[in-house]
């Protein structure tokens, strides 16, 4: 297995992909660096994030990006050249119809309140034919295969799992892989069973791996840790290794690398210099920077920070990153949920003690730190006088 495998600890999903070793379609296990929920909220899966793909039969590996899989997109039909069956069809659109083949839309007659507009198609022999489409069926996840991308007209944006119609070969097929050597190629399994590598036609200059590295190095010329930086590219995937001092440097480097044009994604292997840091230091820093997280729990291990709790201010996640940017942290993992009902009742900040009393729905919470267990018990009494409620949860830390 590639040395990159250690950077991808999470099994994301399985997918049928063309294996260059087996020279046929095989089941691949897809691994990610972070935990994404592809079933619940696809819009939260960021694009251009690397995925480590391993063939279950031969162990062959390849790197793809999140935006290169059609099933990871919220709208798998977005920006397709051929959109048969989608309600946004208009006169002049070129479409591929399963029975009428390649056609031009002459007219779309939509009747208010119905889901089956009448569409007039003009065939290549100028014959006109009227068809109807039930749009309710189209939006079912199981029906996304009625959408076809025209190739080669819109090949560069194709994703693995998409259906395409090859206008020159006059065949439909499914994208089962991508290649990025010199020029971009689609690996397509056509309806007749043939597997072909189809070169995408592009008028834009296609950057080689060598040019991508030179571009990335030039953009990093003012990066403070340039002397520790190593960059190389394989199939337009930038691999970055660097030694930095704090989390802010990681963010800065990530922004620079993300700006490199034509890079499919980047694999960041960043080492942060170790320092004496613990969960209490991080927790206190959040409170000192007026970051309010109700029922807050902070854990620091292996130079990664894990934060849970509830918040009401929309800028809270951004403020967390800003408050902790100076620390020697490799990664910040947030499992915090927004609750508009969270309200701060009282804040006490004196004599190296910090007590914040807040209300979330029908319960009251005490966050912060004190110097002794006695002070922690007294805080419950203070919260009672502000709330006149016995529904109080005490999350105070005792820091001697």
Protein backbone atom coordinates (compact mmCIF):
# COMPACT_ATOMS: atom_id res chain seq x y z
CA UNK A 1 0.00 0.00 0.00
CA UNK A 2 1.19 3.52 -0.74
CA UNK A 3 2.81 5.52 2.02
CA UNK A 4 -0.08 7.98 1.56
CA UNK A 5 -2.42 5.41 3.14
CA UNK A 6 -1.47 6.42 6.69
CA UNK A 7 -2.88 9.89 6.03
CA UNK A 8 -6.33 8.46 5.21
CA UNK A 9 -7.60 6.63 8.32
CA UNK A 10 -11.37 6.75 7.68
CA UNK A 11 -13.26 4.31 5.45
CA UNK A 12 -15.67 6.57 3.57
CA UNK A 13 -17.60 4.38 1.09
CA UNK A 14 -17.17 1.76 -1.65
CA UNK A 15 -17.31 2.37 -5.39
CA UNK A 16 -16.82 0.49 -8.67
CA UNK A 17 -13.80 2.01 -10.46
CA UNK A 18 -11.56 0.94 -13.33
CA UNK A 19 -8.36 -0.64 -11.98
CA UNK A 20 -5.29 -0.09 -14.16
CA UNK A 21 -3.64 -3.23 -12.72
CA UNK A 22 -6.61 -5.56 -13.17
CA UNK A 23 -7.56 -3.78 -16.45
CA UNK A 24 -11.24 -4.04 -15.57
CA UNK A 25 -13.86 -2.55 -13.28
CA UNK A 26 -13.28 -3.55 -9.66
CA UNK A 27 -14.70 -2.70 -6.25
CA UNK A 28 -12.62 -0.02 -4.54
CA UNK A 29 -12.62 1.02 -0.91
CA UNK A 30 -12.50 4.80 -0.56
CA UNK A 31 -10.70 6.33 2.42
CA UNK A 32 -10.75 9.97 3.56
CA UNK A 33 -8.68 12.13 5.89
CA UNK A 34 -11.75 13.52 7.63
CA UNK A 35 -15.16 12.17 8.54
CA UNK A 36 -17.81 13.22 6.02
CA UNK A 37 -21.48 12.26 6.08
CA UNK A 38 -22.28 11.62 2.41
CA UNK A 39 -25.82 10.44 3.17
CA UNK A 40 -27.16 13.11 5.50
CA UNK A 41 -25.84 16.40 4.14
CA UNK A 42 -23.86 16.17 0.92
CA UNK A 43 -23.51 19.96 0.72
CA UNK A 44 -21.16 19.79 3.71
CA UNK A 45 -18.67 17.60 1.85
CA UNK A 46 -15.98 20.03 0.65
CA UNK A 47 -14.74 19.78 -2.91
CA UNK A 48 -11.14 19.15 -3.97
CA UNK A 49 -10.38 17.05 -0.90
CA UNK A 50 -8.19 13.98 -1.57
CA UNK A 51 -9.58 10.45 -1.27
CA UNK A 52 -7.42 7.33 -1.12
CA UNK A 53 -8.91 4.58 -3.31
CA UNK A 54 -7.76 0.95 -3.02
CA UNK A 55 -8.73 -1.99 -5.23
CA UNK A 56 -10.03 -4.89 -3.10
CA UNK A 57 -8.59 -7.52 -5.47
CA UNK A 58 -5.04 -6.45 -6.32
CA UNK A 59 -4.43 -3.67 -3.78
CA UNK A 60 -3.75 -1.08 -6.50
CA UNK A 61 -4.26 2.49 -5.34
CA UNK A 62 -5.17 5.83 -6.87
CA UNK A 63 -5.97 9.30 -5.55
CA UNK A 64 -9.27 10.92 -6.52
CA UNK A 65 -10.91 14.05 -5.14
CA UNK A 66 -14.35 14.47 -3.54
CA UNK A 67 -15.59 16.57 -6.47
CA UNK A 68 -14.66 13.79 -8.92
CA UNK A 69 -17.42 11.44 -7.70
CA UNK A 70 -20.95 12.15 -8.90
CA UNK A 71 -22.57 10.52 -5.85
CA UNK A 72 -20.82 12.98 -3.49
CA UNK A 73 -22.49 15.98 -5.13
CA UNK A 74 -25.67 17.51 -3.76
CA UNK A 75 -26.88 17.97 -7.35
CA UNK A 76 -25.35 15.25 -9.52
CA UNK A 77 -26.84 16.91 -12.62
CA UNK A 78 -25.46 20.37 -11.90
CA UNK A 79 -23.69 22.04 -14.83
CA UNK A 80 -24.29 19.12 -17.18
CA UNK A 81 -24.39 19.94 -20.88
CA UNK A 82 -27.19 17.42 -21.51
CA UNK A 83 -30.02 17.68 -19.01
CA UNK A 84 -32.82 15.46 -20.25
CA UNK A 85 -35.74 15.43 -17.83
CA UNK A 86 -34.69 18.39 -15.68
CA UNK A 87 -37.23 21.16 -15.21
CA UNK A 88 -34.81 23.88 -16.31
CA UNK A 89 -34.74 22.69 -19.93
CA UNK A 90 -35.22 25.47 -22.47
CA UNK A 91 -35.52 25.99 -26.21
CA UNK A 92 -32.19 25.52 -27.99
CA UNK A 93 -30.75 22.99 -25.52
CA UNK A 94 -29.11 19.91 -26.99
CA UNK A 95 -30.29 16.73 -25.29
CA UNK A 96 -29.94 13.01 -25.59
CA UNK A 97 -33.24 11.13 -25.40
CA UNK A 98 -33.20 7.35 -24.79
CA UNK A 99 -35.39 6.65 -27.84
CA UNK A 100 -35.13 9.77 -30.02
CA UNK A 101 -31.35 10.01 -29.54
CA UNK A 102 -29.52 13.35 -30.03
CA UNK A 103 -32.04 16.17 -30.44
CA UNK A 104 -32.56 19.90 -30.13
CA UNK A 105 -35.33 21.28 -27.93
CA UNK A 106 -37.78 23.22 -30.07
CA UNK A 107 -40.21 24.23 -27.35
CA UNK A 108 -41.10 23.58 -23.71
CA UNK A 109 -44.80 24.01 -22.95
CA UNK A 110 -45.27 24.12 -19.17
CA UNK A 111 -48.79 24.12 -17.79
CA UNK A 112 -49.14 25.69 -14.34
CA UNK A 113 -49.78 23.15 -11.59
CA UNK A 114 -48.66 20.11 -13.58
CA UNK A 115 -45.43 18.13 -13.36
CA UNK A 116 -45.52 16.78 -16.93
CA UNK A 117 -44.78 19.59 -19.41
CA UNK A 118 -44.92 18.82 -23.09
CA UNK A 119 -41.54 19.12 -24.82
CA UNK A 120 -41.10 19.42 -28.57
CA UNK A 121 -37.89 17.87 -29.85
CA UNK A 122 -36.34 18.44 -33.27
CA UNK A 123 -34.44 15.37 -34.44
CA UNK A 124 -31.31 15.50 -36.60
CA UNK A 125 -33.44 14.91 -39.71
CA UNK A 126 -35.53 18.00 -38.68
CA UNK A 127 -38.48 15.76 -37.75
CA UNK A 128 -40.36 17.07 -34.71
CA UNK A 129 -41.68 14.87 -31.94
CA UNK A 130 -43.61 15.72 -28.75
CA UNK A 131 -42.68 13.99 -25.48
CA UNK A 132 -43.62 14.34 -21.84
CA UNK A 133 -41.53 13.80 -18.74
CA UNK A 134 -42.71 13.18 -15.20
CA UNK A 135 -40.37 15.41 -13.20
CA UNK A 136 -41.42 13.79 -9.93
CA UNK A 137 -39.63 10.61 -11.01
CA UNK A 138 -36.56 12.51 -12.19
CA UNK A 139 -35.68 13.88 -8.78
CA UNK A 140 -35.55 10.47 -7.12
CA UNK A 141 -31.97 9.45 -6.33
CA UNK A 142 -32.50 6.15 -8.16
CA UNK A 143 -33.44 8.02 -11.33
CA UNK A 144 -30.31 10.15 -11.75
CA UNK A 145 -29.10 7.82 -14.54
CA UNK A 146 -31.52 9.53 -16.96
CA UNK A 147 -29.08 12.42 -17.12
CA UNK A 148 -26.35 12.29 -19.75
CA UNK A 149 -23.33 14.47 -20.28
CA UNK A 150 -22.41 15.19 -23.88
CA UNK A 151 -18.89 14.07 -24.75
CA UNK A 152 -16.52 15.51 -25.92
CA UNK A 153 -18.35 18.85 -25.62
CA UNK A 154 -18.43 18.78 -21.79
CA UNK A 155 -15.95 16.04 -20.95
CA UNK A 156 -13.54 17.93 -18.68
CA UNK A 157 -16.18 18.35 -15.97
CA UNK A 158 -17.21 14.68 -15.96
CA UNK A 159 -17.29 12.77 -12.67
CA UNK A 160 -16.97 9.11 -11.81
CA UNK A 161 -20.39 7.46 -11.94
CA UNK A 162 -21.92 9.87 -14.46
CA UNK A 163 -23.71 8.77 -17.61
CA UNK A 164 -22.38 10.24 -20.85
CA UNK A 165 -23.42 10.22 -24.49
CA UNK A 166 -20.52 10.13 -26.95
CA UNK A 167 -21.75 12.26 -29.85
CA UNK A 168 -19.10 10.94 -32.27
CA UNK A 169 -19.42 7.23 -31.43
CA UNK A 170 -23.19 7.60 -30.87
CA UNK A 171 -23.02 5.45 -27.75
CA UNK A 172 -24.04 5.95 -24.12
CA UNK A 173 -21.74 4.92 -21.32
CA UNK A 174 -20.69 5.44 -17.70
CA UNK A 175 -17.53 7.14 -16.44
CA UNK A 176 -15.57 4.58 -14.41
CA UNK A 177 -12.28 6.45 -14.00
CA UNK A 178 -10.19 9.52 -14.80
CA UNK A 179 -6.62 10.01 -15.98
CA UNK A 180 -4.53 13.19 -15.88
CA UNK A 181 -1.31 12.46 -17.77
CA UNK A 182 -0.48 15.25 -20.26
CA UNK A 183 -4.18 15.62 -21.05
CA UNK A 184 -7.32 14.61 -19.20
CA UNK A 185 -8.93 11.32 -20.20
CA UNK A 186 -12.22 9.70 -19.25
CA UNK A 187 -12.30 5.94 -18.79
CA UNK A 188 -15.76 4.98 -20.01
CA UNK A 189 -17.63 1.68 -20.04
CA UNK A 190 -20.00 1.89 -23.01
CA UNK A 191 -23.39 0.24 -23.39
CA UNK A 192 -21.87 -2.45 -25.64
CA UNK A 193 -19.46 -3.48 -22.85
CA UNK A 194 -16.34 -1.90 -24.35
CA UNK A 195 -14.03 0.09 -22.06
CA UNK A 196 -12.34 3.05 -23.74
CA UNK A 197 -10.04 5.88 -22.67
CA UNK A 198 -11.44 9.06 -24.21
CA UNK A 199 -9.24 12.14 -24.42
CA UNK A 200 -10.99 15.39 -23.47
CA UNK A 201 -10.65 18.19 -25.98
CA UNK A 202 -9.58 21.47 -24.41
CA UNK A 203 -8.53 24.81 -25.85
CA UNK A 204 -6.91 25.79 -22.54
CA UNK A 205 -3.25 25.00 -21.92
CA UNK A 206 -2.93 21.89 -19.82
CA UNK A 207 -0.35 22.27 -17.04
CA UNK A 208 2.06 19.39 -16.47
CA UNK A 209 3.03 18.16 -13.00
CA UNK A 210 6.36 20.00 -13.33
CA UNK A 211 4.64 23.31 -14.09
CA UNK A 212 2.19 22.79 -11.22
CA UNK A 213 5.09 22.36 -8.78
CA UNK A 214 6.84 25.49 -10.10
CA UNK A 215 3.57 27.43 -9.78
CA UNK A 216 3.05 26.22 -6.21
CA UNK A 217 6.64 27.04 -5.23
CA UNK A 218 6.31 30.54 -6.67
CA UNK A 219 3.09 31.15 -4.71
CA UNK A 220 4.82 29.97 -1.52
CA UNK A 221 7.81 32.30 -1.99
CA UNK A 222 6.79 34.48 1.00
CA UNK A 223 5.74 31.60 3.26
CA UNK A 224 7.69 31.90 6.56
CA UNK A 225 8.68 28.22 6.59
CA UNK A 226 9.69 27.96 2.95
CA UNK A 227 13.01 26.33 3.85
CA UNK A 228 11.10 23.38 5.39
CA UNK A 229 8.67 23.04 2.47
CA UNK A 230 8.73 20.13 0.00
CA UNK A 231 6.31 19.96 -2.94
CA UNK A 232 5.83 17.40 -5.69
CA UNK A 233 2.94 16.55 -8.01
CA UNK A 234 1.63 13.25 -9.38
CA UNK A 235 -1.31 13.26 -11.83
CA UNK A 236 -2.04 16.87 -10.82
CA UNK A 237 -2.31 15.95 -7.12
CA UNK A 238 -0.02 18.22 -5.10
CA UNK A 239 1.80 16.53 -2.22
CA UNK A 240 2.97 18.96 0.46
CA UNK A 241 5.28 18.25 3.40
CA UNK A 242 6.41 20.92 5.82
CA UNK A 243 7.47 21.64 9.40
CA UNK A 244 5.66 24.62 10.98
CA UNK A 245 5.19 26.10 14.47
CA UNK A 246 1.46 26.77 14.83
CA UNK A 247 -2.04 26.21 13.47
CA UNK A 248 -2.13 29.60 11.75
CA UNK A 249 0.75 28.52 9.52
CA UNK A 250 -1.18 25.42 8.43
CA UNK A 251 -4.17 27.57 7.44
CA UNK A 252 -1.91 29.98 5.55
CA UNK A 253 -0.20 27.16 3.65
CA UNK A 254 -3.54 25.51 2.85
CA UNK A 255 -4.91 28.75 1.35
CA UNK A 256 -1.81 29.19 -0.81
CA UNK A 257 -1.90 25.63 -2.15
CA UNK A 258 -5.67 25.82 -2.76
CA UNK A 259 -5.07 28.79 -5.06
CA UNK A 260 -2.88 26.81 -7.48
CA UNK A 261 -4.86 26.51 -10.74
CA UNK A 262 -5.57 23.10 -12.31
CA UNK A 263 -4.48 21.17 -9.21
CA UNK A 264 -7.07 18.46 -8.59
CA UNK A 265 -6.45 18.35 -4.83
CA UNK A 266 -3.59 18.46 -2.34
CA UNK A 267 -2.30 16.00 0.24
CA UNK A 268 -0.93 17.93 3.21
CA UNK A 269 1.61 16.20 5.43
CA UNK A 270 2.36 19.00 7.89
CA UNK A 271 4.34 18.43 11.09
CA UNK A 272 3.83 20.93 13.91
CA UNK A 273 6.61 21.56 16.40
CA UNK A 274 5.64 20.15 19.76
CA UNK A 275 5.12 22.36 22.79
CA UNK A 276 3.85 22.03 26.34
CA UNK A 277 0.11 22.44 25.83
CA UNK A 278 -2.93 20.89 27.50
CA UNK A 279 -6.72 21.00 27.33
CA UNK A 280 -6.99 23.54 30.15
CA UNK A 281 -4.76 26.04 28.33
CA UNK A 282 -6.96 25.75 25.25
CA UNK A 283 -10.20 26.04 27.25
CA UNK A 284 -9.00 29.16 29.06
CA UNK A 285 -7.88 30.73 25.80
CA UNK A 286 -11.38 30.30 24.34
CA UNK A 287 -13.00 32.01 27.32
CA UNK A 288 -10.43 34.83 27.34
CA UNK A 289 -11.32 35.50 23.69
CA UNK A 290 -15.06 35.69 24.48
CA UNK A 291 -15.85 32.45 22.69
CA UNK A 292 -19.05 31.23 24.34
CA UNK A 293 -19.67 27.50 24.08
CA UNK A 294 -22.33 26.12 26.41
CA UNK A 295 -21.65 22.70 27.97
CA UNK A 296 -18.14 22.95 26.54
CA UNK A 297 -15.68 20.06 26.57
CA UNK A 298 -12.12 20.38 25.24
CA UNK A 299 -9.69 17.55 24.64
CA UNK A 300 -6.11 17.78 23.35
CA UNK A 301 -4.27 14.72 22.12
CA UNK A 302 -1.59 14.07 19.50
CA UNK A 303 -1.48 17.79 18.68
CA UNK A 304 -5.15 17.73 17.69
CA UNK A 305 -7.95 19.58 19.52
CA UNK A 306 -11.48 18.19 19.92
CA UNK A 307 -14.21 20.60 21.04
CA UNK A 308 -17.85 19.77 21.75
CA UNK A 309 -20.76 21.87 23.00
CA UNK A 310 -23.45 24.32 21.90
CA UNK A 311 -23.28 27.90 20.66
CA UNK A 312 -25.63 30.67 19.53
CA UNK A 313 -23.39 33.25 17.79
CA UNK A 314 -22.90 32.36 14.11
CA UNK A 315 -19.26 33.50 14.09
CA UNK A 316 -18.29 31.10 16.89
CA UNK A 317 -16.52 28.47 14.71
CA UNK A 318 -14.48 31.19 12.97
CA UNK A 319 -13.61 32.77 16.33
CA UNK A 320 -12.41 29.41 17.65
CA UNK A 321 -9.89 29.08 14.83
CA UNK A 322 -8.74 32.66 15.36
CA UNK A 323 -8.32 32.24 19.13
CA UNK A 324 -6.25 29.05 18.78
CA UNK A 325 -4.22 30.06 15.72
CA UNK A 326 -1.10 30.88 17.77
CA UNK A 327 -0.88 27.44 19.39
CA UNK A 328 1.15 24.47 18.17
CA UNK A 329 -1.92 22.59 16.99
CA UNK A 330 -2.07 20.39 13.90
CA UNK A 331 -5.84 20.18 13.56
CA UNK A 332 -9.02 21.48 15.22
CA UNK A 333 -12.01 19.11 15.25
CA UNK A 334 -15.32 20.81 16.00
CA UNK A 335 -18.42 18.91 17.08
CA UNK A 336 -20.39 21.95 18.18
CA UNK A 337 -24.06 22.50 17.39
CA UNK A 338 -25.87 25.81 17.02
CA UNK A 339 -28.73 26.47 19.44
CA UNK A 340 -30.39 29.90 19.11
CA UNK A 341 -31.93 29.36 22.56
CA UNK A 342 -28.55 29.72 24.34
CA UNK A 343 -28.52 32.94 26.40
CA UNK A 344 -25.83 34.27 28.76
CA UNK A 345 -27.26 35.32 32.14
CA UNK A 346 -24.14 36.28 34.07
CA UNK A 347 -20.36 36.38 33.61
CA UNK A 348 -17.96 36.60 36.57
CA UNK A 349 -14.30 37.25 35.74
CA UNK A 350 -12.23 38.12 38.79
CA UNK A 351 -9.23 36.93 40.82
CA UNK A 352 -8.21 34.31 38.23
CA UNK A 353 -11.71 32.80 38.26
CA UNK A 354 -14.11 32.69 35.36
CA UNK A 355 -17.77 31.74 35.75
CA UNK A 356 -20.35 31.99 32.99
CA UNK A 357 -23.98 31.14 33.66
CA UNK A 358 -26.15 30.51 30.62
CA UNK A 359 -29.55 29.10 29.76
CA UNK A 360 -30.30 26.62 26.99
CA UNK A 361 -33.99 25.84 26.59
CA UNK A 362 -35.20 24.87 30.10
CA UNK A 363 -31.81 24.06 31.63
CA UNK A 364 -29.07 26.27 33.07
CA UNK A 365 -25.35 25.65 32.58
CA UNK A 366 -22.24 26.87 34.41
CA UNK A 367 -19.03 26.99 32.39
CA UNK A 368 -15.56 28.27 33.30
CA UNK A 369 -13.02 27.51 36.00
CA UNK A 370 -12.49 28.08 39.73
CA UNK A 371 -9.72 27.31 42.24
CA UNK A 372 -11.40 24.75 44.49
CA UNK A 373 -14.24 22.25 44.80
CA UNK A 374 -15.82 24.52 47.41
CA UNK A 375 -16.03 27.39 44.92
CA UNK A 376 -17.47 25.00 42.36
CA UNK A 377 -20.29 24.07 44.77
CA UNK A 378 -20.92 27.74 45.60
CA UNK A 379 -21.34 28.49 41.91
CA UNK A 380 -24.50 26.38 41.88
CA UNK A 381 -25.98 28.66 44.53
CA UNK A 382 -25.11 31.74 42.46
CA UNK A 383 -26.73 30.18 39.41
CA UNK A 384 -29.85 29.46 41.44
CA UNK A 385 -30.28 33.13 42.41
CA UNK A 386 -30.06 34.14 38.75
CA UNK A 387 -32.35 31.40 37.50
CA UNK A 388 -34.54 30.35 40.45
CA UNK A 389 -34.36 26.86 38.97
CA UNK A 390 -32.96 23.53 40.15
CA UNK A 391 -32.25 22.44 36.57
CA UNK A 392 -28.58 23.43 36.74
CA UNK A 393 -25.63 21.61 35.21
CA UNK A 394 -22.20 22.46 36.59
CA UNK A 395 -19.36 22.12 34.04
CA UNK A 396 -16.80 24.18 35.98
CA UNK A 397 -13.19 23.05 35.93
CA UNK A 398 -11.16 23.15 39.15
CA UNK A 399 -7.73 24.66 38.34
CA UNK A 400 -5.44 25.01 41.34
